[in-house]
């Protein structure tokens, strides 16, 4: 039996403490989620693309490349987006990756690791993307931010994997199609021309869920990715995320919303 004193201590001190600890804490205390973006830099020389101005199509120059440092490139758009904060950019991450940038969502405990692959390394970019879709290469990005060292799961440890660039599967086949490695569920986004037709088989084997891919020719620019990220971080349904992407594409390309909606789809 509890004494009267024990009861008073419980209600005066212990109960308020228990109630306080059930109040949701800082977003940084929530589980970390990661987006990994694989970008094959636009390359006039090494990719079977419609030629673009030389400074946009230099696959060895991420700073000015169409898909990275240009106006609608991944790095440029995310740096300007209020929902994302640039934490770190590391040049020459590897022989194939010319730059890696890590972003943190402004409100959610979500990180985005974006890799700029050398234009001629497009096959490596696609292999890494499909591998991550299957849960292979569970890597970690180590960065210094705010005086602290952060370790961010990426690659096959990511929750959302994205590819942006030329559809290299129009030009070559992948050497290996990795099978799903674990029981984790991953969403995949493929911003490349007619990606559903070309990526269905490898993505099915990898076991990732196609959150958004394309049915025809398009400009795979980062405002589409921004729209997808906004819906995904908010926990929206796939159909709503597709609608966001179509609205963004119609706005920036000056086409009708109806035409843009025919360009994007979700699921199998």
C-alpha atoms as a PDB file:
ATOM      1  CA  UNK A   1       0.000   0.000   0.000  1.00  0.00           C
ATOM      2  CA  UNK A   2       1.170   3.529  -0.747  1.00  0.00           C
ATOM      3  CA  UNK A   3       1.326   6.071   2.028  1.00  0.00           C
ATOM      4  CA  UNK A   4      -0.273   9.498   1.739  1.00  0.00           C
ATOM      5  CA  UNK A   5       3.215  10.947   1.296  1.00  0.00           C
ATOM      6  CA  UNK A   6       3.958   8.564  -1.589  1.00  0.00           C
ATOM      7  CA  UNK A   7       0.748   9.600  -3.333  1.00  0.00           C
ATOM      8  CA  UNK A   8       1.597  13.298  -2.982  1.00  0.00           C
ATOM      9  CA  UNK A   9       5.095  12.747  -4.396  1.00  0.00           C
ATOM     10  CA  UNK A  10       3.642  10.870  -7.358  1.00  0.00           C
ATOM     11  CA  UNK A  11       1.128  13.585  -8.304  1.00  0.00           C
ATOM     12  CA  UNK A  12       3.448  16.520  -7.581  1.00  0.00           C
ATOM     13  CA  UNK A  13       6.648  15.290  -9.201  1.00  0.00           C
ATOM     14  CA  UNK A  14       6.520  11.961 -11.001  1.00  0.00           C
ATOM     15  CA  UNK A  15       3.257  12.318 -12.972  1.00  0.00           C
ATOM     16  CA  UNK A  16       4.174  15.739 -14.478  1.00  0.00           C
ATOM     17  CA  UNK A  17       7.515  14.274 -15.547  1.00  0.00           C
ATOM     18  CA  UNK A  18       5.833  11.336 -17.262  1.00  0.00           C
ATOM     19  CA  UNK A  19       3.402  13.627 -19.066  1.00  0.00           C
ATOM     20  CA  UNK A  20       6.221  15.902 -20.179  1.00  0.00           C
ATOM     21  CA  UNK A  21       8.261  13.084 -21.652  1.00  0.00           C
ATOM     22  CA  UNK A  22       5.307  12.092 -23.859  1.00  0.00           C
ATOM     23  CA  UNK A  23       5.286  15.472 -25.591  1.00  0.00           C
ATOM     24  CA  UNK A  24       6.758  15.151 -29.110  1.00  0.00           C
ATOM     25  CA  UNK A  25      10.329  16.344 -29.088  1.00  0.00           C
ATOM     26  CA  UNK A  26      12.568  18.032 -31.592  1.00  0.00           C
ATOM     27  CA  UNK A  27      12.244  16.703 -35.185  1.00  0.00           C
ATOM     28  CA  UNK A  28      15.878  15.608 -35.023  1.00  0.00           C
ATOM     29  CA  UNK A  29      14.864  12.983 -32.456  1.00  0.00           C
ATOM     30  CA  UNK A  30      12.574  11.237 -34.967  1.00  0.00           C
ATOM     31  CA  UNK A  31      13.902   8.358 -37.097  1.00  0.00           C
ATOM     32  CA  UNK A  32      16.201   9.448 -39.900  1.00  0.00           C
ATOM     33  CA  UNK A  33      14.947   8.994 -43.453  1.00  0.00           C
ATOM     34  CA  UNK A  34      17.191   9.341 -46.468  1.00  0.00           C
ATOM     35  CA  UNK A  35      16.698  10.212 -50.116  1.00  0.00           C
ATOM     36  CA  UNK A  36      19.542   9.288 -52.464  1.00  0.00           C
ATOM     37  CA  UNK A  37      19.638  10.953 -55.881  1.00  0.00           C
ATOM     38  CA  UNK A  38      21.833   9.528 -58.643  1.00  0.00           C
ATOM     39  CA  UNK A  39      22.455  12.142 -61.341  1.00  0.00           C
ATOM     40  CA  UNK A  40      24.184  11.249 -64.603  1.00  0.00           C
ATOM     41  CA  UNK A  41      25.584  14.562 -65.824  1.00  0.00           C
ATOM     42  CA  UNK A  42      24.445  15.570 -69.289  1.00  0.00           C
ATOM     43  CA  UNK A  43      27.161  14.667 -71.809  1.00  0.00           C
ATOM     44  CA  UNK A  44      27.125  15.514 -75.515  1.00  0.00           C
ATOM     45  CA  UNK A  45      30.108  13.296 -76.224  1.00  0.00           C
ATOM     46  CA  UNK A  46      29.361  10.104 -74.321  1.00  0.00           C
ATOM     47  CA  UNK A  47      25.560   9.876 -74.293  1.00  0.00           C
ATOM     48  CA  UNK A  48      23.062   9.311 -77.080  1.00  0.00           C
ATOM     49  CA  UNK A  49      21.251  12.606 -76.520  1.00  0.00           C
ATOM     50  CA  UNK A  50      20.018  15.515 -78.590  1.00  0.00           C
ATOM     51  CA  UNK A  51      22.966  17.875 -78.446  1.00  0.00           C
ATOM     52  CA  UNK A  52      22.742  20.783 -76.000  1.00  0.00           C
ATOM     53  CA  UNK A  53      25.018  23.864 -75.772  1.00  0.00           C
ATOM     54  CA  UNK A  54      28.577  22.735 -75.031  1.00  0.00           C
ATOM     55  CA  UNK A  55      28.791  24.303 -71.580  1.00  0.00           C
ATOM     56  CA  UNK A  56      25.588  22.499 -70.496  1.00  0.00           C
ATOM     57  CA  UNK A  57      26.629  19.183 -72.005  1.00  0.00           C
ATOM     58  CA  UNK A  58      30.137  18.863 -70.597  1.00  0.00           C
ATOM     59  CA  UNK A  59      29.937  15.711 -68.496  1.00  0.00           C
ATOM     60  CA  UNK A  60      33.114  16.612 -66.621  1.00  0.00           C
ATOM     61  CA  UNK A  61      31.893  20.040 -65.459  1.00  0.00           C
ATOM     62  CA  UNK A  62      29.210  19.708 -62.767  1.00  0.00           C
ATOM     63  CA  UNK A  63      29.233  23.432 -61.944  1.00  0.00           C
ATOM     64  CA  UNK A  64      27.575  24.342 -65.259  1.00  0.00           C
ATOM     65  CA  UNK A  65      25.998  21.037 -66.240  1.00  0.00           C
ATOM     66  CA  UNK A  66      22.375  20.964 -67.347  1.00  0.00           C
ATOM     67  CA  UNK A  67      21.372  18.444 -64.681  1.00  0.00           C
ATOM     68  CA  UNK A  68      23.459  19.740 -61.784  1.00  0.00           C
ATOM     69  CA  UNK A  69      24.735  23.321 -61.646  1.00  0.00           C
ATOM     70  CA  UNK A  70      22.569  24.967 -64.309  1.00  0.00           C
ATOM     71  CA  UNK A  71      19.383  26.888 -63.517  1.00  0.00           C
ATOM     72  CA  UNK A  72      17.192  23.781 -63.265  1.00  0.00           C
ATOM     73  CA  UNK A  73      19.911  21.412 -62.068  1.00  0.00           C
ATOM     74  CA  UNK A  74      19.614  19.348 -58.892  1.00  0.00           C
ATOM     75  CA  UNK A  75      22.231  21.195 -56.850  1.00  0.00           C
ATOM     76  CA  UNK A  76      21.008  24.641 -57.889  1.00  0.00           C
ATOM     77  CA  UNK A  77      17.322  23.981 -57.249  1.00  0.00           C
ATOM     78  CA  UNK A  78      17.752  22.336 -53.853  1.00  0.00           C
ATOM     79  CA  UNK A  79      20.123  25.102 -52.700  1.00  0.00           C
ATOM     80  CA  UNK A  80      17.431  27.668 -53.476  1.00  0.00           C
ATOM     81  CA  UNK A  81      14.561  25.647 -52.025  1.00  0.00           C
ATOM     82  CA  UNK A  82      13.472  26.870 -48.590  1.00  0.00           C
ATOM     83  CA  UNK A  83      12.532  23.353 -47.536  1.00  0.00           C
ATOM     84  CA  UNK A  84      16.140  22.186 -47.849  1.00  0.00           C
ATOM     85  CA  UNK A  85      19.406  23.312 -46.298  1.00  0.00           C
ATOM     86  CA  UNK A  86      22.749  22.507 -47.884  1.00  0.00           C
ATOM     87  CA  UNK A  87      25.010  20.899 -45.279  1.00  0.00           C
ATOM     88  CA  UNK A  88      27.999  19.850 -47.312  1.00  0.00           C
ATOM     89  CA  UNK A  89      29.395  19.484 -50.806  1.00  0.00           C
ATOM     90  CA  UNK A  90      32.430  17.321 -51.457  1.00  0.00           C
ATOM     91  CA  UNK A  91      34.177  17.355 -54.822  1.00  0.00           C
ATOM     92  CA  UNK A  92      35.811  14.275 -56.343  1.00  0.00           C
ATOM     93  CA  UNK A  93      33.906  11.839 -54.134  1.00  0.00           C
ATOM     94  CA  UNK A  94      35.212   9.034 -56.339  1.00  0.00           C
ATOM     95  CA  UNK A  95      36.492   8.439 -59.856  1.00  0.00           C
ATOM     96  CA  UNK A  96      32.903   8.333 -61.116  1.00  0.00           C
ATOM     97  CA  UNK A  97      31.274  10.840 -58.749  1.00  0.00           C
ATOM     98  CA  UNK A  98      32.513  14.388 -59.323  1.00  0.00           C
ATOM     99  CA  UNK A  99      30.534  15.966 -56.489  1.00  0.00           C
ATOM    100  CA  UNK A 100      28.368  14.815 -53.584  1.00  0.00           C
ATOM    101  CA  UNK A 101      26.011  17.269 -51.880  1.00  0.00           C
ATOM    102  CA  UNK A 102      24.084  16.538 -48.694  1.00  0.00           C
ATOM    103  CA  UNK A 103      20.926  18.453 -47.785  1.00  0.00           C
ATOM    104  CA  UNK A 104      18.747  18.428 -44.663  1.00  0.00           C
ATOM    105  CA  UNK A 105      15.014  19.095 -44.694  1.00  0.00           C
ATOM    106  CA  UNK A 106      14.115  22.287 -42.827  1.00  0.00           C
ATOM    107  CA  UNK A 107      11.406  20.680 -40.674  1.00  0.00           C
ATOM    108  CA  UNK A 108      11.670  16.912 -40.952  1.00  0.00           C
ATOM    109  CA  UNK A 109      14.533  14.597 -40.021  1.00  0.00           C
ATOM    110  CA  UNK A 110      15.107  13.772 -43.685  1.00  0.00           C
ATOM    111  CA  UNK A 111      18.421  13.976 -45.502  1.00  0.00           C
ATOM    112  CA  UNK A 112      19.056  14.045 -49.230  1.00  0.00           C
ATOM    113  CA  UNK A 113      22.335  12.736 -50.606  1.00  0.00           C
ATOM    114  CA  UNK A 114      22.805  13.804 -54.231  1.00  0.00           C
ATOM    115  CA  UNK A 115      25.643  12.444 -56.383  1.00  0.00           C
ATOM    116  CA  UNK A 116      26.813  13.983 -59.660  1.00  0.00           C
ATOM    117  CA  UNK A 117      28.236  11.192 -61.814  1.00  0.00           C
ATOM    118  CA  UNK A 118      30.662  11.958 -64.602  1.00  0.00           C
ATOM    119  CA  UNK A 119      28.805  11.934 -67.918  1.00  0.00           C
ATOM    120  CA  UNK A 120      30.757   9.020 -69.324  1.00  0.00           C
ATOM    121  CA  UNK A 121      30.054   7.082 -66.099  1.00  0.00           C
ATOM    122  CA  UNK A 122      26.321   6.939 -66.793  1.00  0.00           C
ATOM    123  CA  UNK A 123      26.346   3.129 -66.756  1.00  0.00           C
ATOM    124  CA  UNK A 124      27.922   3.188 -63.282  1.00  0.00           C
ATOM    125  CA  UNK A 125      25.268   5.673 -62.141  1.00  0.00           C
ATOM    126  CA  UNK A 126      22.489   3.393 -63.352  1.00  0.00           C
ATOM    127  CA  UNK A 127      24.082   0.306 -61.810  1.00  0.00           C
ATOM    128  CA  UNK A 128      24.395   2.112 -58.475  1.00  0.00           C
ATOM    129  CA  UNK A 129      20.804   3.319 -58.673  1.00  0.00           C
ATOM    130  CA  UNK A 130      19.411  -0.142 -59.401  1.00  0.00           C
ATOM    131  CA  UNK A 131      21.672  -1.624 -56.730  1.00  0.00           C
ATOM    132  CA  UNK A 132      20.364   0.841 -54.161  1.00  0.00           C
ATOM    133  CA  UNK A 133      16.810   0.056 -55.287  1.00  0.00           C
ATOM    134  CA  UNK A 134      17.513  -3.567 -54.399  1.00  0.00           C
ATOM    135  CA  UNK A 135      19.023  -2.720 -51.015  1.00  0.00           C
ATOM    136  CA  UNK A 136      22.614  -3.376 -52.036  1.00  0.00           C
ATOM    137  CA  UNK A 137      25.597  -1.187 -51.112  1.00  0.00           C
ATOM    138  CA  UNK A 138      24.240   0.024 -47.790  1.00  0.00           C
ATOM    139  CA  UNK A 139      26.596   2.958 -47.495  1.00  0.00           C
ATOM    140  CA  UNK A 140      27.063   5.918 -45.157  1.00  0.00           C
ATOM    141  CA  UNK A 141      27.867   9.528 -45.953  1.00  0.00           C
ATOM    142  CA  UNK A 142      30.141  11.181 -43.398  1.00  0.00           C
ATOM    143  CA  UNK A 143      29.931  14.957 -43.303  1.00  0.00           C
ATOM    144  CA  UNK A 144      30.806  17.793 -40.965  1.00  0.00           C
ATOM    145  CA  UNK A 145      27.952  20.205 -40.237  1.00  0.00           C
ATOM    146  CA  UNK A 146      27.738  22.842 -37.538  1.00  0.00           C
ATOM    147  CA  UNK A 147      30.948  21.622 -35.966  1.00  0.00           C
ATOM    148  CA  UNK A 148      29.570  18.081 -35.634  1.00  0.00           C
ATOM    149  CA  UNK A 149      30.286  14.925 -37.609  1.00  0.00           C
ATOM    150  CA  UNK A 150      27.146  13.367 -39.065  1.00  0.00           C
ATOM    151  CA  UNK A 151      26.798   9.850 -40.408  1.00  0.00           C
ATOM    152  CA  UNK A 152      23.931   9.523 -42.867  1.00  0.00           C
ATOM    153  CA  UNK A 153      22.744   6.177 -44.257  1.00  0.00           C
ATOM    154  CA  UNK A 154      22.539   6.196 -48.036  1.00  0.00           C
ATOM    155  CA  UNK A 155      22.762   3.893 -51.029  1.00  0.00           C
ATOM    156  CA  UNK A 156      20.839   0.718 -50.256  1.00  0.00           C
ATOM    157  CA  UNK A 157      19.946   2.079 -46.822  1.00  0.00           C
ATOM    158  CA  UNK A 158      17.876   4.883 -48.369  1.00  0.00           C
ATOM    159  CA  UNK A 159      14.097   5.060 -48.199  1.00  0.00           C
ATOM    160  CA  UNK A 160      13.677   6.868 -51.529  1.00  0.00           C
ATOM    161  CA  UNK A 161      16.070   6.390 -54.448  1.00  0.00           C
ATOM    162  CA  UNK A 162      16.005   8.599 -57.529  1.00  0.00           C
ATOM    163  CA  UNK A 163      17.692   8.618 -60.893  1.00  0.00           C
ATOM    164  CA  UNK A 164      17.825  11.767 -63.032  1.00  0.00           C
ATOM    165  CA  UNK A 165      19.411  12.068 -66.443  1.00  0.00           C
ATOM    166  CA  UNK A 166      19.545  10.488 -69.875  1.00  0.00           C
ATOM    167  CA  UNK A 167      17.881   7.087 -70.226  1.00  0.00           C
ATOM    168  CA  UNK A 168      21.045   5.089 -70.743  1.00  0.00           C
ATOM    169  CA  UNK A 169      19.052   1.874 -71.129  1.00  0.00           C
ATOM    170  CA  UNK A 170      18.147   3.141 -74.587  1.00  0.00           C
ATOM    171  CA  UNK A 171      21.844   2.768 -75.482  1.00  0.00           C
ATOM    172  CA  UNK A 172      23.079  -0.227 -73.485  1.00  0.00           C
ATOM    173  CA  UNK A 173      22.085  -3.058 -71.153  1.00  0.00           C
ATOM    174  CA  UNK A 174      23.154  -3.399 -67.544  1.00  0.00           C
ATOM    175  CA  UNK A 175      25.698  -6.126 -66.854  1.00  0.00           C
ATOM    176  CA  UNK A 176      23.882  -7.369 -63.748  1.00  0.00           C
ATOM    177  CA  UNK A 177      20.301  -7.004 -62.515  1.00  0.00           C
ATOM    178  CA  UNK A 178      20.504  -7.205 -58.702  1.00  0.00           C
ATOM    179  CA  UNK A 179      17.721  -8.935 -56.817  1.00  0.00           C
ATOM    180  CA  UNK A 180      16.101  -7.544 -53.696  1.00  0.00           C
ATOM    181  CA  UNK A 181      18.444  -8.014 -50.752  1.00  0.00           C
ATOM    182  CA  UNK A 182      16.194  -7.410 -47.750  1.00  0.00           C
ATOM    183  CA  UNK A 183      12.631  -6.926 -46.555  1.00  0.00           C
ATOM    184  CA  UNK A 184      12.754  -3.123 -46.572  1.00  0.00           C
ATOM    185  CA  UNK A 185      10.314  -1.158 -48.715  1.00  0.00           C
ATOM    186  CA  UNK A 186      11.832   1.495 -50.984  1.00  0.00           C
ATOM    187  CA  UNK A 187      10.269   3.995 -53.333  1.00  0.00           C
ATOM    188  CA  UNK A 188      11.939   4.747 -56.651  1.00  0.00           C
ATOM    189  CA  UNK A 189      11.717   7.778 -58.913  1.00  0.00           C
ATOM    190  CA  UNK A 190      13.150   7.683 -62.444  1.00  0.00           C
ATOM    191  CA  UNK A 191      13.295  10.994 -64.279  1.00  0.00           C
ATOM    192  CA  UNK A 192      14.452   9.930 -67.717  1.00  0.00           C
ATOM    193  CA  UNK A 193      12.705   9.587 -71.063  1.00  0.00           C
ATOM    194  CA  UNK A 194      10.164   6.747 -71.241  1.00  0.00           C
ATOM    195  CA  UNK A 195      11.549   5.304 -68.027  1.00  0.00           C
ATOM    196  CA  UNK A 196       8.605   2.987 -67.328  1.00  0.00           C
ATOM    197  CA  UNK A 197       9.161   1.068 -70.558  1.00  0.00           C
ATOM    198  CA  UNK A 198      12.901   0.633 -70.049  1.00  0.00           C
ATOM    199  CA  UNK A 199      13.191   0.268 -66.270  1.00  0.00           C
ATOM    200  CA  UNK A 200      10.231  -1.999 -65.479  1.00  0.00           C
ATOM    201  CA  UNK A 201      12.206  -5.224 -65.677  1.00  0.00           C
ATOM    202  CA  UNK A 202      15.270  -4.202 -63.629  1.00  0.00           C
ATOM    203  CA  UNK A 203      13.161  -2.389 -61.032  1.00  0.00           C
ATOM    204  CA  UNK A 204      10.822  -5.381 -60.667  1.00  0.00           C
ATOM    205  CA  UNK A 205      13.806  -7.620 -59.939  1.00  0.00           C
ATOM    206  CA  UNK A 206      15.228  -5.049 -57.519  1.00  0.00           C
ATOM    207  CA  UNK A 207      11.940  -5.045 -55.619  1.00  0.00           C
ATOM    208  CA  UNK A 208      11.498  -1.283 -55.296  1.00  0.00           C
ATOM    209  CA  UNK A 209       8.119   0.405 -55.672  1.00  0.00           C
ATOM    210  CA  UNK A 210       7.912   2.847 -58.615  1.00  0.00           C
ATOM    211  CA  UNK A 211       6.668   6.018 -56.989  1.00  0.00           C
ATOM    212  CA  UNK A 212       7.029   8.027 -60.197  1.00  0.00           C
ATOM    213  CA  UNK A 213       8.343   7.352 -63.664  1.00  0.00           C
ATOM    214  CA  UNK A 214       7.654   8.539 -67.192  1.00  0.00           C
ATOM    215  CA  UNK A 215       5.814   7.349 -70.291  1.00  0.00           C
ATOM    216  CA  UNK A 216       7.448   9.527 -72.957  1.00  0.00           C
ATOM    217  CA  UNK A 217      10.140  12.040 -73.801  1.00  0.00           C
ATOM    218  CA  UNK A 218      10.778  14.841 -71.312  1.00  0.00           C
ATOM    219  CA  UNK A 219      13.301  17.275 -69.902  1.00  0.00           C
ATOM    220  CA  UNK A 220      14.422  15.579 -66.642  1.00  0.00           C
ATOM    221  CA  UNK A 221      14.893  18.761 -64.640  1.00  0.00           C
ATOM    222  CA  UNK A 222      15.021  19.229 -60.896  1.00  0.00           C
ATOM    223  CA  UNK A 223      11.775  21.170 -60.395  1.00  0.00           C
ATOM    224  CA  UNK A 224      10.067  17.803 -60.947  1.00  0.00           C
ATOM    225  CA  UNK A 225      12.226  16.315 -58.210  1.00  0.00           C
ATOM    226  CA  UNK A 226      11.338  19.210 -55.896  1.00  0.00           C
ATOM    227  CA  UNK A 227       7.642  18.522 -56.388  1.00  0.00           C
ATOM    228  CA  UNK A 228       8.127  14.830 -55.658  1.00  0.00           C
ATOM    229  CA  UNK A 229      10.128  15.581 -52.514  1.00  0.00           C
ATOM    230  CA  UNK A 230       7.442  17.958 -51.230  1.00  0.00           C
ATOM    231  CA  UNK A 231       4.757  15.306 -51.535  1.00  0.00           C
ATOM    232  CA  UNK A 232       6.901  12.443 -50.265  1.00  0.00           C
ATOM    233  CA  UNK A 233       8.078  14.275 -47.149  1.00  0.00           C
ATOM    234  CA  UNK A 234       4.459  15.215 -46.407  1.00  0.00           C
ATOM    235  CA  UNK A 235       3.402  11.570 -46.647  1.00  0.00           C
ATOM    236  CA  UNK A 236       1.053  12.104 -49.580  1.00  0.00           C
ATOM    237  CA  UNK A 237      -0.425   9.348 -51.719  1.00  0.00           C
ATOM    238  CA  UNK A 238       1.432   8.383 -54.872  1.00  0.00           C
ATOM    239  CA  UNK A 239      -1.319   9.782 -57.105  1.00  0.00           C
ATOM    240  CA  UNK A 240      -1.055  13.173 -55.401  1.00  0.00           C
ATOM    241  CA  UNK A 241       2.718  13.194 -55.845  1.00  0.00           C
ATOM    242  CA  UNK A 242       2.307  12.441 -59.545  1.00  0.00           C
ATOM    243  CA  UNK A 243      -0.113  15.356 -59.813  1.00  0.00           C
ATOM    244  CA  UNK A 244       2.431  17.640 -58.134  1.00  0.00           C
ATOM    245  CA  UNK A 245       5.068  16.576 -60.650  1.00  0.00           C
ATOM    246  CA  UNK A 246       2.720  17.184 -63.580  1.00  0.00           C
ATOM    247  CA  UNK A 247       1.825  20.664 -62.310  1.00  0.00           C
ATOM    248  CA  UNK A 248       5.492  21.580 -61.964  1.00  0.00           C
ATOM    249  CA  UNK A 249       6.312  20.280 -65.432  1.00  0.00           C
ATOM    250  CA  UNK A 250       3.399  22.107 -67.038  1.00  0.00           C
ATOM    251  CA  UNK A 251       4.437  25.342 -65.324  1.00  0.00           C
ATOM    252  CA  UNK A 252       8.089  25.278 -66.350  1.00  0.00           C
ATOM    253  CA  UNK A 253       7.656  23.741 -69.798  1.00  0.00           C
ATOM    254  CA  UNK A 254       4.654  25.855 -70.761  1.00  0.00           C
ATOM    255  CA  UNK A 255       2.552  22.858 -71.744  1.00  0.00           C
ATOM    256  CA  UNK A 256      -0.959  21.946 -70.676  1.00  0.00           C
ATOM    257  CA  UNK A 257      -1.526  20.197 -67.373  1.00  0.00           C
ATOM    258  CA  UNK A 258      -3.374  17.448 -69.229  1.00  0.00           C
ATOM    259  CA  UNK A 259      -0.359  16.754 -71.431  1.00  0.00           C
ATOM    260  CA  UNK A 260       1.948  16.721 -68.405  1.00  0.00           C
ATOM    261  CA  UNK A 261      -0.328  14.325 -66.569  1.00  0.00           C
ATOM    262  CA  UNK A 262      -0.003  11.832 -69.430  1.00  0.00           C
ATOM    263  CA  UNK A 263       3.773  11.986 -69.054  1.00  0.00           C
ATOM    264  CA  UNK A 264       4.024  10.830 -65.421  1.00  0.00           C
ATOM    265  CA  UNK A 265       2.645   7.747 -63.747  1.00  0.00           C
ATOM    266  CA  UNK A 266       3.065   5.612 -60.644  1.00  0.00           C
ATOM    267  CA  UNK A 267       3.010   1.910 -59.835  1.00  0.00           C
ATOM    268  CA  UNK A 268       3.166  -1.010 -62.198  1.00  0.00           C
END
